Each structure stands twice: as structure tokens, then as C-alpha cells.
Amino acid sequence: MERRRRRYSPFDEFFEELDEFMKEMFEDIEKEFERLRKRGFYEEFKALEGEPRIYGPYVYGFRITIGPDGKPKIEEFGNVRRVGRRPIVSEEREPLVDVFEEKDEVVVIAELPGVDKDKISCIVSEDKKKLIIKASNEERKYYKEVDLPAPVDPGSSKATYKNGVLEVKFKKMPSEERGGYQLKVE
């Protein structure tokens, strides 16, 4: 009986390297778990950072919209962010925000459920092209820097908060004036 020879594929080498990498990775994981079992998981965490910090709840979401150029735009929100390949959890959540540019005004709508309106701070940057939203109570903290599509007049702003939704309206500003401005939320 004649044996058939297997054809060489350019992927063979790649999959062999991948297989070897996976074996090494699992061996390293097993060694680390054995070390942690001997010392104890809780003691290991205490040695790393003192007492372990617990965040919660974890909030992560994204939405996909089509931009004015017709290309999809992905926006993430919540308190879990990616830095490189690792997730970072913070106490502050990034709220879901929409920005609408109309003929003579800019409208920003942010979802901030669970906070009182007197705990919301809205600040327009000195160049009048960024809105900084901060909100917090005992259970929730929100923070978001929103890039505005055009310079705005902070003096013309009207901010309202109802049912967990913050709406801020600005008139567009043709001239460039300097200085930050604190907004009042109604």
C-alpha cells in the first residue's frame, strides 16, 4: 500500500508555533496557581496592594452609529476602559453622550441616572470647544470630557436635568474669547 505524502501548507509553521506558545502559557499558568495555592490567594493580593480594592458594579457598553462621512463610529461607555490589551476599572463611569450641531446652536445630551441635579457640574473649557461633565453621589460617579463641534457661548447656555438625562444647549460663538465658565443646572 502506497502512502500519500501530506502537502506543505504555509500555515503549518504558524500553527506549530502557536501550539508551542499555548503549551508554554498553560505551563506558566499552572506554576503560578501552584505558587498562589501554597501562599494563599488573599495573602498574595494583600502583598500586592495592601488590602484589595473592590469596584462595582462593572459597567461597559458600546454603540455603533454612522457618522456624517458615512463611516461607522464606535463609542464606548461605562467604567471599564482598555489600555493596550488590559482592561482598567475606575470608580467613575463615562456616561453615554450625544452631541448635535444645529445651524446656530450645539446640544449635548448625557445620560446620568441616579444622581441629584445639585451634584452635577458642567464646565466649558477656556477655548470653548470642550464641555466637562462631572456628577457624583454616594453610589455613582460620572465623568466625561465632550468635544464640541464648534466654539460655544457659555453665557447663552441652558442646562436642564430630568429623569436622569442632562441636556445642555449652547449658542455658537463666532469670536474667540478666553476663560472657563461654570454652568448652572436647573
C-alpha atoms as a PDB file:
ATOM      1  CA  MET A   1       0.000   0.000   0.000  1.00  0.00           C
ATOM      2  CA  GLU A   2       1.355   3.351  -1.001  1.00  0.00           C
ATOM      3  CA  ARG A   3       1.442   6.213   1.491  1.00  0.00           C
ATOM      4  CA  ARG A   4       0.390   9.643   0.423  1.00  0.00           C
ATOM      5  CA  ARG A   5       2.572  12.488   1.298  1.00  0.00           C
ATOM      6  CA  ARG A   6       0.939  15.390   3.061  1.00  0.00           C
ATOM      7  CA  ARG A   7       1.296  18.700   1.286  1.00  0.00           C
ATOM      8  CA  TYR A   8       3.123  21.525   2.979  1.00  0.00           C
ATOM      9  CA  SER A   9       0.989  24.499   3.887  1.00  0.00           C
ATOM     10  CA  PRO A  10       2.350  27.946   4.766  1.00  0.00           C
ATOM     11  CA  PHE A  11       0.140  27.795   7.874  1.00  0.00           C
ATOM     12  CA  ASP A  12       1.831  24.652   9.229  1.00  0.00           C
ATOM     13  CA  GLU A  13       4.719  26.576  10.741  1.00  0.00           C
ATOM     14  CA  PHE A  14       2.412  29.217  12.200  1.00  0.00           C
ATOM     15  CA  PHE A  15       0.166  26.639  13.900  1.00  0.00           C
ATOM     16  CA  GLU A  16       3.155  24.714  15.243  1.00  0.00           C
ATOM     17  CA  GLU A  17       4.497  27.924  16.830  1.00  0.00           C
ATOM     18  CA  LEU A  18       1.048  28.759  18.170  1.00  0.00           C
ATOM     19  CA  ASP A  19       0.712  25.283  19.668  1.00  0.00           C
ATOM     20  CA  GLU A  20       4.117  25.580  21.359  1.00  0.00           C
ATOM     21  CA  PHE A  21       3.237  29.050  22.681  1.00  0.00           C
ATOM     22  CA  MET A  22      -0.051  27.773  24.145  1.00  0.00           C
ATOM     23  CA  LYS A  23       1.706  24.857  25.861  1.00  0.00           C
ATOM     24  CA  GLU A  24       4.248  27.224  27.446  1.00  0.00           C
ATOM     25  CA  MET A  25       1.500  29.617  28.526  1.00  0.00           C
ATOM     26  CA  PHE A  26      -0.517  26.860  30.226  1.00  0.00           C
ATOM     27  CA  GLU A  27       2.612  25.585  31.992  1.00  0.00           C
ATOM     28  CA  ASP A  28       3.287  29.103  33.314  1.00  0.00           C
ATOM     29  CA  ILE A  29      -0.321  29.430  34.487  1.00  0.00           C
ATOM     30  CA  GLU A  30      -0.154  26.102  36.307  1.00  0.00           C
ATOM     31  CA  LYS A  31       3.105  27.130  38.031  1.00  0.00           C
ATOM     32  CA  GLU A  32       1.583  30.453  39.116  1.00  0.00           C
ATOM     33  CA  PHE A  33      -1.546  28.783  40.501  1.00  0.00           C
ATOM     34  CA  GLU A  34       0.583  26.311  42.428  1.00  0.00           C
ATOM     35  CA  ARG A  35       2.594  29.181  43.914  1.00  0.00           C
ATOM     36  CA  LEU A  36      -0.611  31.022  44.859  1.00  0.00           C
ATOM     37  CA  ARG A  37      -2.117  27.877  46.382  1.00  0.00           C
ATOM     38  CA  LYS A  38       0.900  27.459  48.645  1.00  0.00           C
ATOM     39  CA  ARG A  39       0.917  31.082  49.796  1.00  0.00           C
ATOM     40  CA  GLY A  40      -2.828  31.731  49.662  1.00  0.00           C
ATOM     41  CA  PHE A  41      -4.734  33.969  47.258  1.00  0.00           C
ATOM     42  CA  TYR A  42      -5.808  36.579  49.808  1.00  0.00           C
ATOM     43  CA  GLU A  43      -2.292  36.972  51.211  1.00  0.00           C
ATOM     44  CA  GLU A  44      -0.955  37.416  47.679  1.00  0.00           C
ATOM     45  CA  PHE A  45      -3.385  40.249  46.988  1.00  0.00           C
ATOM     46  CA  LYS A  46      -2.545  41.919  50.312  1.00  0.00           C
ATOM     47  CA  ALA A  47       1.151  41.753  49.417  1.00  0.00           C
ATOM     48  CA  LEU A  48       0.489  43.394  46.043  1.00  0.00           C
ATOM     49  CA  GLU A  49      -1.569  46.426  47.091  1.00  0.00           C
ATOM     50  CA  GLY A  50      -2.234  46.215  50.804  1.00  0.00           C
ATOM     51  CA  GLU A  51      -5.936  45.466  51.140  1.00  0.00           C
ATOM     52  CA  PRO A  52      -7.686  44.501  47.899  1.00  0.00           C
ATOM     53  CA  ARG A  53      -9.976  47.175  46.435  1.00  0.00           C
ATOM     54  CA  ILE A  54     -13.352  46.121  45.162  1.00  0.00           C
ATOM     55  CA  TYR A  55     -15.097  48.113  42.460  1.00  0.00           C
ATOM     56  CA  GLY A  56     -18.595  47.541  41.422  1.00  0.00           C
ATOM     57  CA  PRO A  57     -20.706  47.243  39.615  1.00  0.00           C
ATOM     58  CA  TYR A  58     -18.824  46.886  36.348  1.00  0.00           C
ATOM     59  CA  VAL A  59     -20.499  48.898  33.623  1.00  0.00           C
ATOM     60  CA  TYR A  60     -19.468  48.566  29.997  1.00  0.00           C
ATOM     61  CA  GLY A  61     -21.286  49.187  26.776  1.00  0.00           C
ATOM     62  CA  PHE A  62     -20.832  50.480  23.296  1.00  0.00           C
ATOM     63  CA  ARG A  63     -22.891  51.795  20.469  1.00  0.00           C
ATOM     64  CA  ILE A  64     -22.287  51.992  16.777  1.00  0.00           C
ATOM     65  CA  THR A  65     -23.520  54.963  14.775  1.00  0.00           C
ATOM     66  CA  ILE A  66     -22.924  56.182  11.256  1.00  0.00           C
ATOM     67  CA  GLY A  67     -21.002  59.464  11.174  1.00  0.00           C
ATOM     68  CA  PRO A  68     -21.682  62.352   8.798  1.00  0.00           C
ATOM     69  CA  ASP A  69     -18.993  60.978   6.469  1.00  0.00           C
ATOM     70  CA  GLY A  70     -20.908  57.677   6.182  1.00  0.00           C
ATOM     71  CA  LYS A  71     -18.352  55.682   8.185  1.00  0.00           C
ATOM     72  CA  PRO A  72     -19.311  53.703  11.313  1.00  0.00           C
ATOM     73  CA  LYS A  73     -18.274  55.212  14.640  1.00  0.00           C
ATOM     74  CA  ILE A  74     -17.890  53.055  17.768  1.00  0.00           C
ATOM     75  CA  GLU A  75     -18.329  54.782  21.140  1.00  0.00           C
ATOM     76  CA  GLU A  76     -17.653  53.015  24.431  1.00  0.00           C
ATOM     77  CA  PHE A  77     -19.156  53.997  27.784  1.00  0.00           C
ATOM     78  CA  GLY A  78     -19.065  52.776  31.376  1.00  0.00           C
ATOM     79  CA  ASN A  79     -16.294  52.374  33.962  1.00  0.00           C
ATOM     80  CA  VAL A  80     -14.237  49.726  32.147  1.00  0.00           C
ATOM     81  CA  ARG A  81     -11.662  51.043  29.695  1.00  0.00           C
ATOM     82  CA  ARG A  82      -8.985  49.360  27.651  1.00  0.00           C
ATOM     83  CA  VAL A  83      -5.395  50.461  28.000  1.00  0.00           C
ATOM     84  CA  GLY A  84      -3.465  48.450  25.467  1.00  0.00           C
ATOM     85  CA  ARG A  85      -4.781  44.914  25.827  1.00  0.00           C
ATOM     86  CA  ARG A  86      -5.689  45.156  29.536  1.00  0.00           C
ATOM     87  CA  PRO A  87      -8.989  46.399  30.984  1.00  0.00           C
ATOM     88  CA  ILE A  88      -8.828  49.149  33.609  1.00  0.00           C
ATOM     89  CA  VAL A  89     -11.744  49.628  36.017  1.00  0.00           C
ATOM     90  CA  SER A  90     -12.287  53.058  37.556  1.00  0.00           C
ATOM     91  CA  GLU A  91     -14.764  54.394  40.072  1.00  0.00           C
ATOM     92  CA  GLU A  92     -16.024  56.983  37.577  1.00  0.00           C
ATOM     93  CA  ARG A  93     -18.344  55.903  34.819  1.00  0.00           C
ATOM     94  CA  GLU A  94     -18.255  57.503  31.419  1.00  0.00           C
ATOM     95  CA  PRO A  95     -21.864  58.361  30.529  1.00  0.00           C
ATOM     96  CA  LEU A  96     -23.410  57.857  27.124  1.00  0.00           C
ATOM     97  CA  VAL A  97     -23.409  61.258  25.389  1.00  0.00           C
ATOM     98  CA  ASP A  98     -24.905  62.602  22.163  1.00  0.00           C
ATOM     99  CA  VAL A  99     -23.804  65.887  20.563  1.00  0.00           C
ATOM    100  CA  PHE A 100     -25.999  67.594  17.979  1.00  0.00           C
ATOM    101  CA  GLU A 101     -24.856  70.556  15.922  1.00  0.00           C
ATOM    102  CA  GLU A 102     -27.621  72.697  14.519  1.00  0.00           C
ATOM    103  CA  LYS A 103     -27.461  75.882  12.473  1.00  0.00           C
ATOM    104  CA  ASP A 104     -26.817  78.298  15.352  1.00  0.00           C
ATOM    105  CA  GLU A 105     -26.589  76.065  18.433  1.00  0.00           C
ATOM    106  CA  VAL A 106     -24.947  72.963  19.895  1.00  0.00           C
ATOM    107  CA  VAL A 107     -26.950  70.492  22.032  1.00  0.00           C
ATOM    108  CA  VAL A 108     -25.322  67.951  24.355  1.00  0.00           C
ATOM    109  CA  ILE A 109     -27.414  65.165  25.889  1.00  0.00           C
ATOM    110  CA  ALA A 110     -25.869  62.930  28.592  1.00  0.00           C
ATOM    111  CA  GLU A 111     -27.360  60.002  30.491  1.00  0.00           C
ATOM    112  CA  LEU A 112     -26.598  60.418  34.227  1.00  0.00           C
ATOM    113  CA  PRO A 113     -29.080  58.200  36.073  1.00  0.00           C
ATOM    114  CA  GLY A 114     -29.123  58.097  39.851  1.00  0.00           C
ATOM    115  CA  VAL A 115     -27.648  61.495  40.735  1.00  0.00           C
ATOM    116  CA  ASP A 116     -29.285  64.684  42.003  1.00  0.00           C
ATOM    117  CA  LYS A 117     -29.095  67.787  39.835  1.00  0.00           C
ATOM    118  CA  ASP A 118     -27.225  69.724  42.560  1.00  0.00           C
ATOM    119  CA  LYS A 119     -24.438  67.115  42.328  1.00  0.00           C
ATOM    120  CA  ILE A 120     -23.834  67.800  38.605  1.00  0.00           C
ATOM    121  CA  SER A 121     -21.061  70.125  37.456  1.00  0.00           C
ATOM    122  CA  CYS A 122     -20.724  71.332  33.855  1.00  0.00           C
ATOM    123  CA  ILE A 123     -17.658  73.355  32.885  1.00  0.00           C
ATOM    124  CA  VAL A 124     -16.833  74.830  29.477  1.00  0.00           C
ATOM    125  CA  SER A 125     -13.115  74.842  28.691  1.00  0.00           C
ATOM    126  CA  GLU A 126     -11.186  78.040  28.080  1.00  0.00           C
ATOM    127  CA  ASP A 127     -11.111  77.533  24.311  1.00  0.00           C
ATOM    128  CA  LYS A 128     -14.925  76.992  24.426  1.00  0.00           C
ATOM    129  CA  LYS A 129     -14.607  73.756  22.433  1.00  0.00           C
ATOM    130  CA  LYS A 130     -14.979  71.229  25.259  1.00  0.00           C
ATOM    131  CA  LEU A 131     -17.652  70.532  27.877  1.00  0.00           C
ATOM    132  CA  ILE A 132     -16.578  68.718  31.054  1.00  0.00           C
ATOM    133  CA  ILE A 133     -19.379  66.885  32.854  1.00  0.00           C
ATOM    134  CA  LYS A 134     -18.895  65.650  36.444  1.00  0.00           C
ATOM    135  CA  ALA A 135     -21.578  64.129  38.642  1.00  0.00           C
ATOM    136  CA  SER A 136     -21.467  62.066  41.814  1.00  0.00           C
ATOM    137  CA  ASN A 137     -23.372  60.795  44.794  1.00  0.00           C
ATOM    138  CA  GLU A 138     -22.612  58.063  47.331  1.00  0.00           C
ATOM    139  CA  GLU A 139     -23.184  55.243  44.841  1.00  0.00           C
ATOM    140  CA  ARG A 140     -22.250  56.651  41.425  1.00  0.00           C
ATOM    141  CA  LYS A 141     -19.637  58.903  39.877  1.00  0.00           C
ATOM    142  CA  TYR A 142     -19.669  60.143  36.288  1.00  0.00           C
ATOM    143  CA  TYR A 143     -17.013  61.983  34.306  1.00  0.00           C
ATOM    144  CA  LYS A 144     -16.857  62.867  30.622  1.00  0.00           C
ATOM    145  CA  GLU A 145     -14.984  65.385  28.501  1.00  0.00           C
ATOM    146  CA  VAL A 146     -17.106  66.134  25.441  1.00  0.00           C
ATOM    147  CA  ASP A 147     -15.520  67.685  22.366  1.00  0.00           C
ATOM    148  CA  LEU A 148     -17.865  70.287  20.912  1.00  0.00           C
ATOM    149  CA  PRO A 149     -18.092  70.681  17.125  1.00  0.00           C
ATOM    150  CA  ALA A 150     -17.761  74.492  17.310  1.00  0.00           C
ATOM    151  CA  PRO A 151     -16.817  77.145  19.873  1.00  0.00           C
ATOM    152  CA  VAL A 152     -19.835  77.998  22.049  1.00  0.00           C
ATOM    153  CA  ASP A 153     -21.026  80.974  24.089  1.00  0.00           C
ATOM    154  CA  PRO A 154     -21.180  79.781  27.738  1.00  0.00           C
ATOM    155  CA  GLY A 155     -23.307  82.803  28.673  1.00  0.00           C
ATOM    156  CA  SER A 156     -26.099  81.571  26.394  1.00  0.00           C
ATOM    157  CA  SER A 157     -26.153  78.081  27.914  1.00  0.00           C
ATOM    158  CA  LYS A 158     -29.218  76.398  29.311  1.00  0.00           C
ATOM    159  CA  ALA A 159     -28.720  73.125  31.193  1.00  0.00           C
ATOM    160  CA  THR A 160     -31.651  71.006  32.373  1.00  0.00           C
ATOM    161  CA  TYR A 161     -31.735  67.655  34.171  1.00  0.00           C
ATOM    162  CA  LYS A 162     -34.815  65.462  34.221  1.00  0.00           C
ATOM    163  CA  ASN A 163     -35.295  61.706  34.720  1.00  0.00           C
ATOM    164  CA  GLY A 164     -31.556  61.009  34.621  1.00  0.00           C
ATOM    165  CA  VAL A 165     -30.949  62.904  31.378  1.00  0.00           C
ATOM    166  CA  LEU A 166     -28.861  66.086  31.234  1.00  0.00           C
ATOM    167  CA  GLU A 167     -29.463  68.398  28.285  1.00  0.00           C
ATOM    168  CA  VAL A 168     -27.168  71.363  27.670  1.00  0.00           C
ATOM    169  CA  LYS A 169     -27.849  73.880  24.880  1.00  0.00           C
ATOM    170  CA  PHE A 170     -25.353  76.488  23.693  1.00  0.00           C
ATOM    171  CA  LYS A 171     -25.406  79.200  21.075  1.00  0.00           C
ATOM    172  CA  LYS A 172     -22.439  79.002  18.734  1.00  0.00           C
ATOM    173  CA  MET A 173     -19.804  81.651  19.230  1.00  0.00           C
ATOM    174  CA  PRO A 174     -18.195  83.237  16.177  1.00  0.00           C
ATOM    175  CA  SER A 175     -15.489  85.138  18.083  1.00  0.00           C
ATOM    176  CA  GLU A 176     -12.727  83.554  20.163  1.00  0.00           C
ATOM    177  CA  GLU A 177     -12.923  84.706  23.791  1.00  0.00           C
ATOM    178  CA  ARG A 178     -10.794  83.117  26.533  1.00  0.00           C
ATOM    179  CA  GLY A 179     -11.737  81.912  30.027  1.00  0.00           C
ATOM    180  CA  GLY A 180     -13.604  78.977  31.555  1.00  0.00           C
ATOM    181  CA  TYR A 181     -17.233  79.198  32.606  1.00  0.00           C
ATOM    182  CA  GLN A 182     -19.236  77.278  35.254  1.00  0.00           C
ATOM    183  CA  LEU A 183     -22.802  76.393  34.178  1.00  0.00           C
ATOM    184  CA  LYS A 184     -25.891  76.236  36.396  1.00  0.00           C
ATOM    185  CA  VAL A 185     -28.005  73.065  36.083  1.00  0.00           C
ATOM    186  CA  GLU A 186     -31.750  73.558  36.509  1.00  0.00           C
END
